Amino acid sequence: MATPRKRKTRTVVDEGYSKLDEYAIWLHEYHRSLRRAGFSNDNALWLVATKESFPDWVQEPTLNDIRNHIEDEEDE
């Protein structure tokens, strides 16, 4: 019998993401985890849109974070 292959662990490389980028990635992962947990797409989207459902450790981007992100992209 062949030995089973060990699965590679997927990790996120630190690419110097802004807080806004990290927040968008978190929202995407939150939606994916809700779908895996069995929520319908409508319910998962509702939970992602409802800020009261977020865990305490989630930090929302501030207006300054958004402005800095836009300015950084315009400089490139």
Protein backbone atom coordinates (compact mmCIF):
# COMPACT_ATOMS: atom_id res chain seq x y z
CA MET A 1 0.00 0.00 0.00
CA ALA A 2 1.34 3.43 -0.92
CA THR A 3 2.06 5.90 1.81
CA PRO A 4 -0.31 8.88 1.80
CA ARG A 5 1.11 12.21 0.74
CA LYS A 6 1.34 14.94 3.28
CA ARG A 7 -0.74 17.94 2.24
CA LYS A 8 1.02 21.27 2.00
CA THR A 9 -0.19 23.95 4.37
CA ARG A 10 -1.41 27.05 2.57
CA THR A 11 -0.14 30.24 4.14
CA VAL A 12 -0.45 33.91 3.31
CA VAL A 13 2.82 35.59 2.49
CA ASP A 14 3.28 38.92 4.22
CA GLU A 15 3.30 41.27 1.26
CA GLY A 16 2.91 44.45 3.26
CA TYR A 17 -0.86 44.55 3.01
CA SER A 18 -2.58 47.73 4.15
CA LYS A 19 -5.24 47.54 6.83
CA LEU A 20 -7.88 47.94 4.13
CA ASP A 21 -6.43 44.98 2.18
CA GLU A 22 -6.32 42.87 5.34
CA TYR A 23 -9.93 43.77 6.12
CA ALA A 24 -11.08 42.80 2.60
CA ILE A 25 -9.20 39.50 2.84
CA TRP A 26 -10.76 38.86 6.23
CA LEU A 27 -14.27 39.53 4.89
CA HIS A 28 -13.66 37.09 2.03
CA GLU A 29 -12.37 34.39 4.40
CA TYR A 30 -15.27 35.04 6.80
CA HIS A 31 -17.77 34.48 3.97
CA ARG A 32 -15.99 31.31 2.84
CA SER A 33 -15.98 29.90 6.38
CA LEU A 34 -19.69 30.65 6.79
CA ARG A 35 -20.42 28.83 3.52
CA ARG A 36 -18.32 25.83 4.63
CA ALA A 37 -20.25 25.81 7.90
CA GLY A 38 -23.46 25.28 5.96
CA PHE A 39 -24.95 28.77 5.75
CA SER A 40 -26.79 29.62 2.56
CA ASN A 41 -25.21 32.28 0.37
CA ASP A 42 -27.89 34.82 1.35
CA ASN A 43 -27.40 34.21 5.07
CA ALA A 44 -23.61 34.32 4.77
CA LEU A 45 -23.75 37.63 2.88
CA TRP A 46 -26.14 39.03 5.47
CA LEU A 47 -23.75 38.08 8.29
CA VAL A 48 -20.78 39.59 6.44
CA ALA A 49 -22.74 42.83 5.93
CA THR A 50 -23.90 42.97 9.57
CA LYS A 51 -21.07 44.42 11.61
CA GLU A 52 -22.66 43.28 14.88
CA SER A 53 -21.86 39.68 13.91
CA PHE A 54 -18.10 40.34 13.67
CA PRO A 55 -15.83 38.97 16.40
CA ASP A 56 -14.37 41.50 18.85
CA TRP A 57 -10.84 41.18 17.45
CA VAL A 58 -11.80 42.47 13.97
CA GLN A 59 -10.69 46.04 13.36
CA GLU A 60 -12.48 48.03 10.71
CA PRO A 61 -10.43 50.32 8.47
CA THR A 62 -10.70 54.00 9.28
CA LEU A 63 -11.21 56.79 6.75
CA ASN A 64 -7.51 57.61 7.00
CA ASP A 65 -6.63 54.00 6.13
CA ILE A 66 -8.81 54.22 3.03
CA ARG A 67 -7.35 57.59 1.99
CA ASN A 68 -3.78 56.34 2.48
CA HIS A 69 -4.56 53.24 0.42
CA ILE A 70 -5.96 55.32 -2.44
CA GLU A 71 -3.01 57.71 -2.32
CA ASP A 72 -0.53 54.81 -2.34
CA GLU A 73 -2.17 53.33 -5.44
CA GLU A 74 -2.16 56.71 -7.21
CA ASP A 75 1.58 57.07 -6.54
CA GLU A 76 2.35 53.78 -8.31
